[in-house]
Amino acid sequence: MVVSGDGASSAYSDGVLADGAQDYWRLDESDPATAYNWAGFDDLNLGTGVSRGADGGTGDGDKASTFDGTDNGRAVKATAAQAPSTFTAEAWIKTTTTSGGKIIGFGGNQTGNSGNYDRHVYMQNDGKIVFGTYPGFTATITSAAAYNDGQWHHVVASLSSGGESLYVDGRRVARNAGVTSGQDYAGYWRVGGDNIGGWPGQPASFAFQGQIDDVAIYPTALSLEQVRSHYALSGRTLPGARPADAYGQAVYDADPDAYWRLGETVGTVAADASPNGSDGIYSGGYTQGGQSAVSGGPAGSVGVDGNNGQVSGTEAVSNPQTYSEEPVVPHHHHPGRQGSSASPTPSSGTAAATTATCTCSTTAGCASAPGSASPTWSTPTRAYNDGQWHHVVAEGSPSGLKPVRRRRPQGVEHDRRRAGLHRLLARGWRLHLGRQQLELLPRRHRRGGDLLLDAERRAGAAALDGRQGAGREHGAHRLVHQARRPT
């Protein structure tokens, strides 16, 4: 392949091309009017408000382009195409703007402001990044953090049958599995500005003021692994290092959305051990510094009081349909309580979300049920309030309730069996274990194979500590949020 442009290839650019970019504009040329396409034939036409020669963000010594935040500071692809149903848009940005603006998007017009416009990534006035498509309504996902701090940031957005995903700096910061399409029209990829009228968090400016580097469009949805690889190829350190213990590695390798190991001894932050940096927050009645249930991992567990003690996520999730929740818990001889929980807020264009419960009692063991007026319970045949550590997994998916399955994990003593597999038809649920209550916020849909069960077979409860009665009363350990992959 012949590559045109002023810059030389690098480890970063090679990685982008190897992952199948169909358009790749490095924005490092000296030409004032054209940004050359390293992956195809359609260059970007640059407005007069785009200047060249800024220091780049990809760590390979190439240059970036500066967009002045005006109607002239925009770039547009030379030829029109049909709006893609599956794609990934990727760019590096650096800005201190407080007026927001569109970073990249698909629009129906080659000049001016488009009449049809979606599949766009834009910044709000507060620096938070939004990705949105229009499947009949404005479907957006938004970062929790702001990125108008004058530093380079790696921004990736994808749309596919797995939904909308937004990544920043090697982390998945937002996702909505319920949105899998956008508006159908012909148009152009545009960089640095276009219409954002009527969209959530609409900024003061449609045009982005700041530096943009290495913009790429892919005909596929990049995986989290590919996104993290690109971030690392820029010479930066990846967030969320893989744990050293067998259990932690099995969970990490199964690509959870969040993994709270609950080993903190002080503070209110439950650190996320997954690659996504989705920390939890301790609140209510909780006690840190309990004994661990898992051999080889970080010491510690947290005890919750069964009243208002909980660990909750900080990232909003839109209408999860398929997911798994996995804690390791001890349970003691206290009367079981079901309790109720508030329904999570549904995303636009969906029916009201429901809740579900997972309850343990002194007589019936642990049971799970979808949230409805007349729930159907899935209940194991034995009780688990014996003061021992137990590995519990509850799942929600459109397939509904399935029979509970139990097995004796290898390497675990007889009375430390896994608490069972509960399949739920639910969008959110709360786990109550007698006086012990864990609130597990609903999470997101995943694509691909059933890695959760593979992880359990590889390690799972087999990594549990063999000590009898080691658990702190009302303790809970290794709370994992794992998105269940559909079959």
Protein backbone atom coordinates (compact mmCIF):
# COMPACT_ATOMS: atom_id res chain seq x y z
CA MET A 1 0.00 0.00 0.00
CA VAL A 2 1.28 3.45 -0.88
CA VAL A 3 0.85 5.97 1.94
CA SER A 4 0.71 9.70 1.21
CA GLY A 5 1.51 12.41 3.74
CA ASP A 6 4.38 14.37 5.21
CA GLY A 7 4.96 12.17 8.28
CA ALA A 8 6.60 8.81 8.68
CA SER A 9 4.83 5.68 9.87
CA SER A 10 5.08 4.79 13.56
CA ALA A 11 4.04 2.07 15.99
CA TYR A 12 0.84 4.01 16.63
CA SER A 13 -0.06 4.52 12.96
CA ASP A 14 0.80 0.90 12.19
CA GLY A 15 -1.57 -0.22 14.97
CA VAL A 16 -4.41 1.89 13.59
CA LEU A 17 -3.97 0.46 10.09
CA ALA A 18 -3.58 -3.09 11.39
CA ASP A 19 -6.96 -2.81 13.14
CA GLY A 20 -8.67 -2.04 9.83
CA ALA A 21 -9.15 1.72 9.66
CA GLN A 22 -10.90 2.65 6.41
CA ASP A 23 -10.12 6.37 6.83
CA TYR A 24 -7.10 7.69 8.72
CA TRP A 25 -6.21 11.37 8.71
CA ARG A 26 -3.08 12.06 10.77
CA LEU A 27 -3.47 15.85 10.42
CA ASP A 28 0.31 16.25 10.55
CA GLU A 29 0.95 17.65 7.06
CA SER A 30 2.12 21.13 6.15
CA ASP A 31 -0.46 21.46 3.34
CA PRO A 32 -2.89 24.20 4.45
CA ALA A 33 -5.88 22.86 2.50
CA THR A 34 -5.72 19.04 2.61
CA ALA A 35 -5.30 16.32 5.23
CA TYR A 36 -4.22 13.14 3.49
CA ASN A 37 -5.92 9.79 4.05
CA TRP A 38 -3.40 7.14 5.14
CA ALA A 39 -5.93 4.30 4.82
CA GLY A 40 -7.99 5.22 1.74
CA PHE A 41 -8.41 7.71 -1.04
CA ASP A 42 -10.74 10.31 0.45
CA ASP A 43 -8.78 13.19 1.92
CA LEU A 44 -10.13 15.88 4.23
CA ASN A 45 -10.73 19.37 2.86
CA LEU A 46 -9.62 21.91 5.47
CA GLY A 47 -11.23 25.26 6.19
CA THR A 48 -9.16 28.41 6.56
CA GLY A 49 -9.60 28.25 10.33
CA VAL A 50 -7.48 25.09 10.56
CA SER A 51 -3.76 25.69 11.10
CA ARG A 52 -0.92 23.18 11.03
CA GLY A 53 2.21 22.32 12.96
CA ALA A 54 1.05 21.92 16.60
CA ASP A 55 2.76 19.24 18.68
CA GLY A 56 0.90 15.94 18.30
CA GLY A 57 -0.69 13.70 20.89
CA THR A 58 0.23 10.18 19.80
CA GLY A 59 3.76 10.11 21.19
CA ASP A 60 5.43 9.44 17.83
CA GLY A 61 6.71 12.94 17.13
CA ASP A 62 4.16 13.81 14.45
CA LYS A 63 2.25 17.07 14.37
CA ALA A 64 -1.40 17.94 14.96
CA SER A 65 -3.79 20.56 13.60
CA THR A 66 -5.39 23.44 15.48
CA PHE A 67 -9.09 24.23 14.97
CA ASP A 68 -10.02 27.83 15.81
CA GLY A 69 -13.63 27.24 16.94
CA THR A 70 -15.24 29.21 14.11
CA ASP A 71 -17.29 28.16 11.11
CA ASN A 72 -14.06 28.16 9.08
CA GLY A 73 -12.27 25.85 11.52
CA ARG A 74 -13.71 22.63 10.16
CA ALA A 75 -12.62 19.72 7.96
CA VAL A 76 -14.83 17.53 5.79
CA LYS A 77 -14.35 14.34 3.82
CA ALA A 78 -14.21 14.90 0.08
CA THR A 79 -16.86 12.36 -0.99
CA ALA A 80 -20.26 11.35 0.36
CA ALA A 81 -21.19 7.90 1.68
CA GLN A 82 -24.15 6.21 3.28
CA ALA A 83 -24.28 6.52 7.06
CA PRO A 84 -22.71 3.37 8.54
CA SER A 85 -24.68 1.04 10.81
CA THR A 86 -21.47 -0.22 12.43
CA PHE A 87 -18.40 1.95 12.93
CA THR A 88 -15.80 3.35 15.29
CA ALA A 89 -14.62 6.97 15.29
CA GLU A 90 -11.28 7.75 16.96
CA ALA A 91 -9.40 10.99 17.63
CA TRP A 92 -6.93 12.67 19.97
CA ILE A 93 -7.97 16.07 21.36
CA LYS A 94 -6.43 18.83 23.47
CA THR A 95 -8.44 21.86 24.58
CA THR A 96 -9.26 24.31 27.36
CA THR A 97 -12.50 25.51 25.76
CA THR A 98 -15.57 26.24 27.87
CA SER A 99 -17.79 26.53 24.79
CA GLY A 100 -17.76 22.89 23.75
CA GLY A 101 -18.07 21.91 20.11
CA LYS A 102 -18.20 18.92 17.78
CA ILE A 103 -15.04 16.85 17.56
CA ILE A 104 -16.15 14.47 14.82
CA GLY A 105 -19.50 13.49 13.34
CA PHE A 106 -21.47 12.44 10.29
CA GLY A 107 -23.50 15.15 8.56
CA GLY A 108 -25.63 15.45 5.47
CA ASN A 109 -23.99 18.66 4.17
CA GLN A 110 -20.45 19.17 2.95
CA THR A 111 -20.49 22.87 3.88
CA GLY A 112 -22.33 24.95 6.46
CA ASN A 113 -24.41 23.25 9.15
CA SER A 114 -25.97 19.92 8.20
CA GLY A 115 -29.72 19.30 8.23
CA ASN A 116 -29.19 15.63 9.06
CA TYR A 117 -26.52 14.96 11.68
CA ASP A 118 -25.74 12.20 14.16
CA ARG A 119 -23.03 9.58 14.86
CA HIS A 120 -21.17 12.42 16.47
CA VAL A 121 -18.79 13.02 19.35
CA TYR A 122 -19.00 16.47 20.90
CA MET A 123 -17.89 18.30 24.02
CA GLN A 124 -20.27 20.08 26.35
CA ASN A 125 -19.45 23.48 27.83
CA ASP A 126 -18.32 21.74 31.03
CA GLY A 127 -15.78 19.60 29.17
CA LYS A 128 -17.70 16.32 29.35
CA ILE A 129 -17.74 14.27 26.15
CA VAL A 130 -20.95 13.05 24.51
CA PHE A 131 -21.48 10.37 21.86
CA GLY A 132 -24.85 10.18 20.18
CA THR A 133 -26.83 8.63 17.35
CA TYR A 134 -30.40 9.22 16.16
CA PRO A 135 -32.50 6.02 15.86
CA GLY A 136 -35.67 8.13 15.92
CA PHE A 137 -34.62 9.99 19.08
CA THR A 138 -31.44 11.59 20.41
CA ALA A 139 -29.67 8.64 22.03
CA THR A 140 -26.56 9.83 23.86
CA ILE A 141 -24.03 8.57 26.37
CA THR A 142 -21.84 10.99 28.32
CA SER A 143 -18.57 10.81 30.23
CA ALA A 144 -18.69 11.46 33.95
CA ALA A 145 -15.43 13.43 33.85
CA ALA A 146 -14.46 16.61 32.02
CA TYR A 147 -11.57 16.68 29.55
CA ASN A 148 -11.04 20.39 28.77
CA ASP A 149 -7.92 20.46 30.96
CA GLY A 150 -5.30 21.32 28.35
CA GLN A 151 -3.99 17.74 28.16
CA TRP A 152 -4.12 15.28 25.27
CA HIS A 153 -6.96 12.75 25.48
CA HIS A 154 -7.72 9.68 23.37
CA VAL A 155 -11.43 9.58 22.44
CA VAL A 156 -13.08 6.56 20.80
CA ALA A 157 -16.79 6.02 20.06
CA SER A 158 -18.43 2.99 18.45
CA LEU A 159 -21.86 1.83 17.31
CA SER A 160 -22.76 -1.79 16.57
CA SER A 161 -25.25 -4.52 17.43
CA GLY A 162 -23.66 -4.38 20.89
CA GLY A 163 -24.84 -0.79 21.36
CA GLU A 164 -23.13 2.57 21.81
CA SER A 165 -19.76 2.71 23.57
CA LEU A 166 -17.56 5.65 24.54
CA TYR A 167 -13.92 5.31 25.60
CA VAL A 168 -11.52 7.96 26.89
CA ASP A 169 -7.83 7.36 27.62
CA GLY A 170 -8.05 3.58 27.48
CA ARG A 171 -11.17 3.29 29.66
CA ARG A 172 -14.76 2.59 28.71
CA VAL A 173 -16.53 5.57 30.29
CA ALA A 174 -20.11 5.05 29.02
CA ARG A 175 -22.21 2.51 27.16
CA ASN A 176 -25.83 1.91 26.14
CA ALA A 177 -26.58 -1.58 24.83
CA GLY A 178 -30.11 -0.61 23.85
CA VAL A 179 -29.10 1.70 20.98
CA THR A 180 -27.82 -0.17 17.94
CA SER A 181 -28.58 2.12 15.00
CA GLY A 182 -28.69 5.70 13.78
CA GLN A 183 -30.49 7.77 11.18
CA ASP A 184 -30.32 6.51 7.60
CA TYR A 185 -29.02 9.14 5.17
CA ALA A 186 -26.06 9.91 2.92
CA GLY A 187 -23.45 12.34 4.12
CA TYR A 188 -19.86 13.18 5.01
CA TRP A 189 -17.53 12.63 7.95
CA ARG A 190 -16.76 16.05 9.41
CA VAL A 191 -14.03 17.00 11.88
CA GLY A 192 -13.97 20.07 14.13
CA GLY A 193 -17.55 21.26 13.77
CA ASP A 194 -21.11 20.79 12.48
CA ASN A 195 -24.66 21.17 13.70
CA ILE A 196 -25.47 20.01 17.26
CA GLY A 197 -28.79 21.86 17.56
CA GLY A 198 -31.37 20.13 19.76
CA TRP A 199 -29.03 17.54 21.24
CA PRO A 200 -28.61 16.92 24.98
CA GLY A 201 -25.98 19.13 26.57
CA GLN A 202 -25.88 21.32 23.46
CA PRO A 203 -22.77 23.50 23.80
CA ALA A 204 -22.48 27.20 23.14
CA SER A 205 -20.44 26.53 19.99
CA PHE A 206 -20.94 23.97 17.23
CA ALA A 207 -17.24 24.30 16.35
CA PHE A 208 -14.43 22.85 18.47
CA GLN A 209 -11.56 25.09 19.57
CA GLY A 210 -8.36 23.17 20.25
CA GLN A 211 -5.94 20.66 18.76
CA ILE A 212 -7.04 17.45 17.02
CA ASP A 213 -4.71 14.65 15.97
CA ASP A 214 -4.87 11.25 14.24
CA VAL A 215 -8.55 10.88 13.34
CA ALA A 216 -9.59 7.39 12.20
CA ILE A 217 -12.84 5.75 11.07
CA TYR A 218 -13.29 1.96 11.20
CA PRO A 219 -16.06 -0.16 9.62
CA THR A 220 -16.17 -2.27 12.80
CA ALA A 221 -16.63 -1.68 16.52
CA LEU A 222 -13.19 -1.76 18.13
CA SER A 223 -12.93 -3.94 21.21
CA LEU A 224 -11.80 -2.60 24.57
CA GLU A 225 -8.56 -4.52 24.06
CA GLN A 226 -7.93 -2.73 20.73
CA VAL A 227 -8.74 0.67 22.22
CA ARG A 228 -6.36 0.04 25.11
CA SER A 229 -3.70 -1.13 22.67
CA HIS A 230 -3.91 2.15 20.72
CA TYR A 231 -3.63 4.16 23.92
CA ALA A 232 -0.56 2.17 24.97
CA LEU A 233 1.02 2.62 21.52
CA SER A 234 1.12 6.36 22.24
CA GLY A 235 3.66 5.60 24.97
CA ARG A 236 1.21 6.07 27.85
CA THR A 237 0.61 3.71 30.75
CA LEU A 238 -2.60 1.71 30.58
CA PRO A 239 -5.06 2.10 33.47
CA GLY A 240 -6.19 -0.96 35.43
CA ALA A 241 -3.24 -3.36 35.65
CA ARG A 242 -4.05 -7.09 35.64
CA PRO A 243 -4.18 -8.51 39.20
CA ALA A 244 -1.47 -10.90 40.36
CA ASP A 245 -3.71 -13.54 42.00
CA ALA A 246 -5.50 -16.33 40.11
CA TYR A 247 -9.02 -15.28 41.07
CA GLY A 248 -8.39 -11.65 40.21
CA GLN A 249 -6.87 -12.60 36.86
CA ALA A 250 -9.84 -14.81 35.97
CA VAL A 251 -12.29 -12.00 36.65
CA TYR A 252 -10.13 -9.37 34.91
CA ASP A 253 -9.72 -11.56 31.82
CA ALA A 254 -13.50 -11.98 31.60
CA ASP A 255 -13.73 -8.22 30.85
CA PRO A 256 -16.03 -7.03 33.65
CA ASP A 257 -17.55 -3.58 33.48
CA ALA A 258 -16.50 -3.02 37.10
CA TYR A 259 -14.64 -5.12 39.66
CA TRP A 260 -14.66 -3.90 43.26
CA ARG A 261 -12.32 -6.02 45.39
CA LEU A 262 -13.41 -4.19 48.58
CA GLY A 263 -10.05 -4.43 50.28
CA GLU A 264 -9.81 -0.79 51.33
CA THR A 265 -9.18 -0.05 55.01
CA VAL A 266 -9.97 3.68 54.90
CA GLY A 267 -11.86 6.11 52.71
CA THR A 268 -15.12 6.05 50.77
CA VAL A 269 -13.82 4.91 47.36
CA ALA A 270 -14.09 1.25 46.31
CA ALA A 271 -11.35 1.01 43.69
CA ASP A 272 -12.22 -0.66 40.40
CA ALA A 273 -9.75 -3.42 39.48
CA SER A 274 -11.11 -3.71 35.92
CA PRO A 275 -9.61 -1.72 33.02
CA ASN A 276 -12.53 0.74 33.11
CA GLY A 277 -11.82 2.82 36.21
CA SER A 278 -15.45 2.63 37.37
CA ASP A 279 -14.87 3.17 41.07
CA GLY A 280 -17.64 2.58 43.59
CA ILE A 281 -18.58 4.63 46.65
CA TYR A 282 -19.05 3.28 50.18
CA SER A 283 -21.96 4.81 52.08
CA GLY A 284 -24.18 4.18 55.08
CA GLY A 285 -23.22 1.64 57.73
CA TYR A 286 -20.09 -0.23 56.65
CA THR A 287 -16.93 -1.56 58.30
CA GLN A 288 -13.69 -1.96 56.36
CA GLY A 289 -10.75 -4.24 57.09
CA GLY A 290 -12.48 -7.63 57.40
CA GLN A 291 -10.75 -10.89 56.53
CA SER A 292 -10.40 -11.87 52.89
CA ALA A 293 -12.21 -14.75 51.22
CA VAL A 294 -9.79 -15.18 48.33
CA SER A 295 -6.29 -16.58 48.59
CA GLY A 296 -3.43 -14.60 47.11
CA GLY A 297 -5.34 -11.40 46.49
CA PRO A 298 -5.38 -8.14 48.41
CA ALA A 299 -6.29 -8.64 52.06
CA GLY A 300 -9.58 -7.33 53.34
CA SER A 301 -13.33 -7.29 52.93
CA VAL A 302 -16.10 -4.89 53.89
CA GLY A 303 -18.97 -5.48 56.29
CA VAL A 304 -22.37 -3.86 55.67
CA ASP A 305 -24.98 -3.39 58.38
CA GLY A 306 -28.12 -4.56 56.54
CA ASN A 307 -29.72 -1.15 57.06
CA ASN A 308 -28.17 1.41 54.72
CA GLY A 309 -24.64 0.10 54.19
CA GLN A 310 -23.81 -0.29 50.52
CA VAL A 311 -21.32 0.15 47.72
CA SER A 312 -22.76 1.90 44.68
CA GLY A 313 -21.46 2.80 41.25
CA THR A 314 -20.82 6.35 40.08
CA GLU A 315 -21.43 5.80 36.38
CA ALA A 316 -24.95 6.09 34.94
CA VAL A 317 -26.08 3.08 32.89
CA SER A 318 -28.89 3.15 30.34
CA ASN A 319 -31.41 0.32 30.40
CA PRO A 320 -29.21 -2.78 30.84
CA GLN A 321 -30.83 -5.90 29.38
CA THR A 322 -28.21 -8.59 29.91
CA TYR A 323 -25.73 -8.70 32.78
CA SER A 324 -24.33 -10.72 35.68
CA GLU A 325 -23.60 -9.78 39.30
CA GLU A 326 -21.07 -11.79 41.29
CA PRO A 327 -20.23 -11.31 45.00
CA VAL A 328 -18.43 -13.57 47.46
CA VAL A 329 -20.27 -13.37 50.80
CA PRO A 330 -20.57 -15.03 54.20
CA HIS A 331 -24.03 -15.34 55.75
CA HIS A 332 -25.16 -15.94 59.31
CA HIS A 333 -28.29 -17.12 61.05
CA HIS A 334 -30.42 -14.01 60.87
CA PRO A 335 -33.97 -13.85 59.57
CA GLY A 336 -34.05 -13.30 55.85
CA ARG A 337 -35.44 -10.07 54.48
CA GLN A 338 -36.39 -9.21 50.95
CA GLY A 339 -36.84 -5.46 51.02
CA SER A 340 -37.55 -3.30 48.01
CA SER A 341 -35.44 -1.01 45.86
CA ALA A 342 -36.07 1.99 43.67
CA SER A 343 -36.24 1.28 39.95
CA PRO A 344 -33.31 2.55 37.90
CA THR A 345 -34.06 5.36 35.51
CA PRO A 346 -34.75 4.03 32.00
CA SER A 347 -33.14 5.56 28.95
CA SER A 348 -35.11 7.46 26.35
CA GLY A 349 -37.50 5.46 24.24
CA THR A 350 -37.78 2.49 26.59
CA ALA A 351 -40.40 1.18 28.92
CA ALA A 352 -40.00 1.84 32.62
CA ALA A 353 -37.23 -0.25 34.12
CA THR A 354 -38.00 -2.94 36.68
CA THR A 355 -36.10 -4.25 39.67
CA ALA A 356 -35.34 -7.69 41.01
CA THR A 357 -34.26 -9.19 44.30
CA CYS A 358 -31.92 -11.88 45.49
CA THR A 359 -32.78 -12.97 49.04
CA CYS A 360 -31.28 -15.38 51.57
CA SER A 361 -33.29 -16.69 54.53
CA THR A 362 -32.73 -19.19 57.31
CA THR A 363 -35.12 -21.69 55.75
CA ALA A 364 -35.17 -21.24 51.98
CA GLY A 365 -31.55 -20.55 51.09
CA CYS A 366 -30.89 -17.92 48.43
CA ALA A 367 -33.52 -17.04 45.85
CA SER A 368 -33.75 -14.62 42.96
CA ALA A 369 -36.69 -13.08 41.19
CA PRO A 370 -37.44 -10.39 38.60
CA GLY A 371 -39.07 -7.20 39.81
CA SER A 372 -42.77 -7.48 39.12
CA ALA A 373 -46.06 -7.61 40.95
CA SER A 374 -46.03 -11.43 40.83
CA PRO A 375 -42.39 -12.57 40.68
CA THR A 376 -41.32 -16.07 39.76
CA TRP A 377 -38.62 -17.35 42.12
CA SER A 378 -35.58 -19.40 41.26
CA THR A 379 -34.42 -21.03 44.50
CA PRO A 380 -31.65 -23.53 45.31
CA THR A 381 -32.38 -26.58 47.42
CA ARG A 382 -30.18 -25.71 50.39
CA ALA A 383 -29.56 -22.77 52.72
CA TYR A 384 -26.30 -20.80 52.84
CA ASN A 385 -26.55 -18.88 56.10
CA ASP A 386 -23.91 -21.08 57.73
CA GLY A 387 -21.25 -18.48 58.45
CA GLN A 388 -19.03 -19.68 55.60
CA TRP A 389 -17.91 -17.82 52.50
CA HIS A 390 -20.08 -18.52 49.44
CA HIS A 391 -19.71 -17.53 45.78
CA VAL A 392 -23.01 -16.16 44.40
CA VAL A 393 -23.83 -15.31 40.80
CA ALA A 394 -27.11 -13.76 39.64
CA GLU A 395 -27.84 -13.04 36.01
CA GLY A 396 -30.38 -11.08 34.05
CA SER A 397 -31.15 -11.56 30.38
CA PRO A 398 -34.09 -11.56 27.97
CA SER A 399 -34.20 -15.38 28.25
CA GLY A 400 -35.84 -15.04 31.65
CA LEU A 401 -35.59 -17.30 34.67
CA LYS A 402 -33.71 -20.57 34.37
CA PRO A 403 -33.27 -23.32 36.98
CA VAL A 404 -30.61 -22.65 39.58
CA ARG A 405 -27.48 -24.74 39.12
CA ARG A 406 -24.95 -25.61 41.81
CA ARG A 407 -21.69 -27.44 41.73
CA ARG A 408 -18.87 -28.20 44.12
CA PRO A 409 -15.83 -26.20 43.00
CA GLN A 410 -12.52 -28.00 42.78
CA GLY A 411 -10.16 -27.28 45.64
CA VAL A 412 -12.85 -25.91 47.95
CA GLU A 413 -14.03 -27.65 51.09
CA HIS A 414 -17.39 -29.40 51.06
CA ASP A 415 -19.22 -26.69 53.00
CA ARG A 416 -17.88 -23.92 50.75
CA ARG A 417 -19.95 -24.66 47.68
CA ARG A 418 -20.88 -22.02 45.21
CA ALA A 419 -24.17 -20.40 46.13
CA GLY A 420 -25.65 -21.07 42.72
CA LEU A 421 -26.45 -19.47 39.41
CA HIS A 422 -29.60 -17.34 39.30
CA ARG A 423 -30.93 -16.24 35.96
CA LEU A 424 -33.19 -13.23 36.17
CA LEU A 425 -35.41 -11.35 33.78
CA ALA A 426 -34.64 -7.92 35.15
CA ARG A 427 -32.99 -4.63 34.44
CA GLY A 428 -31.75 -4.00 37.93
CA TRP A 429 -31.74 -5.80 41.25
CA ARG A 430 -30.72 -5.62 44.86
CA LEU A 431 -29.13 -8.41 46.83
CA HIS A 432 -30.22 -8.94 50.46
CA LEU A 433 -28.56 -11.61 52.57
CA GLY A 434 -30.46 -11.56 55.87
CA ARG A 435 -29.28 -8.48 57.75
CA GLN A 436 -26.58 -8.16 55.14
CA GLN A 437 -27.54 -6.07 52.13
CA LEU A 438 -25.52 -5.37 49.01
CA GLU A 439 -26.92 -3.01 46.45
CA LEU A 440 -25.60 -3.94 43.04
CA LEU A 441 -26.30 -1.34 40.42
CA PRO A 442 -27.40 -2.63 37.01
CA ARG A 443 -24.79 -2.64 34.30
CA ARG A 444 -24.35 -3.23 30.64
CA HIS A 445 -24.76 -5.65 27.77
CA ARG A 446 -21.74 -7.41 26.31
CA ARG A 447 -21.07 -9.20 23.07
CA GLY A 448 -19.18 -12.41 22.46
CA GLY A 449 -18.75 -15.70 24.25
CA ASP A 450 -19.70 -16.73 27.75
CA LEU A 451 -16.46 -15.72 29.48
CA LEU A 452 -17.96 -15.44 32.94
CA LEU A 453 -18.59 -19.15 33.30
CA ASP A 454 -15.21 -19.90 31.75
CA ALA A 455 -13.64 -17.70 34.39
CA GLU A 456 -15.49 -19.56 37.12
CA ARG A 457 -14.33 -22.90 35.77
CA ARG A 458 -10.73 -21.69 35.60
CA ALA A 459 -10.65 -20.18 39.05
CA GLY A 460 -13.89 -18.86 40.55
CA ALA A 461 -14.59 -20.32 43.93
CA ALA A 462 -11.57 -22.61 43.65
CA ALA A 463 -9.49 -19.62 44.69
CA LEU A 464 -11.50 -19.09 47.89
CA ASP A 465 -9.58 -19.28 51.11
CA GLY A 466 -9.99 -22.66 52.87
CA ARG A 467 -10.26 -21.23 56.34
CA GLN A 468 -13.42 -22.21 58.23
CA GLY A 469 -15.44 -19.35 59.66
CA ALA A 470 -12.92 -16.75 58.56
CA GLY A 471 -15.57 -14.28 57.42
CA ARG A 472 -16.46 -11.22 59.42
CA GLU A 473 -20.12 -11.25 60.38
CA HIS A 474 -22.22 -9.52 57.75
CA GLY A 475 -19.05 -9.26 55.61
CA ALA A 476 -18.97 -9.12 51.86
CA HIS A 477 -15.99 -9.58 49.61
CA ARG A 478 -14.98 -9.40 45.97
CA LEU A 479 -18.06 -7.76 44.58
CA VAL A 480 -17.84 -8.13 40.82
CA HIS A 481 -20.02 -6.55 38.21
CA GLN A 482 -19.75 -8.66 35.08
CA ALA A 483 -21.82 -8.16 31.95
CA ARG A 484 -23.32 -11.46 30.84
CA ARG A 485 -22.79 -12.30 27.21
CA PRO A 486 -25.81 -13.61 25.34
CA THR A 487 -25.83 -16.99 23.68
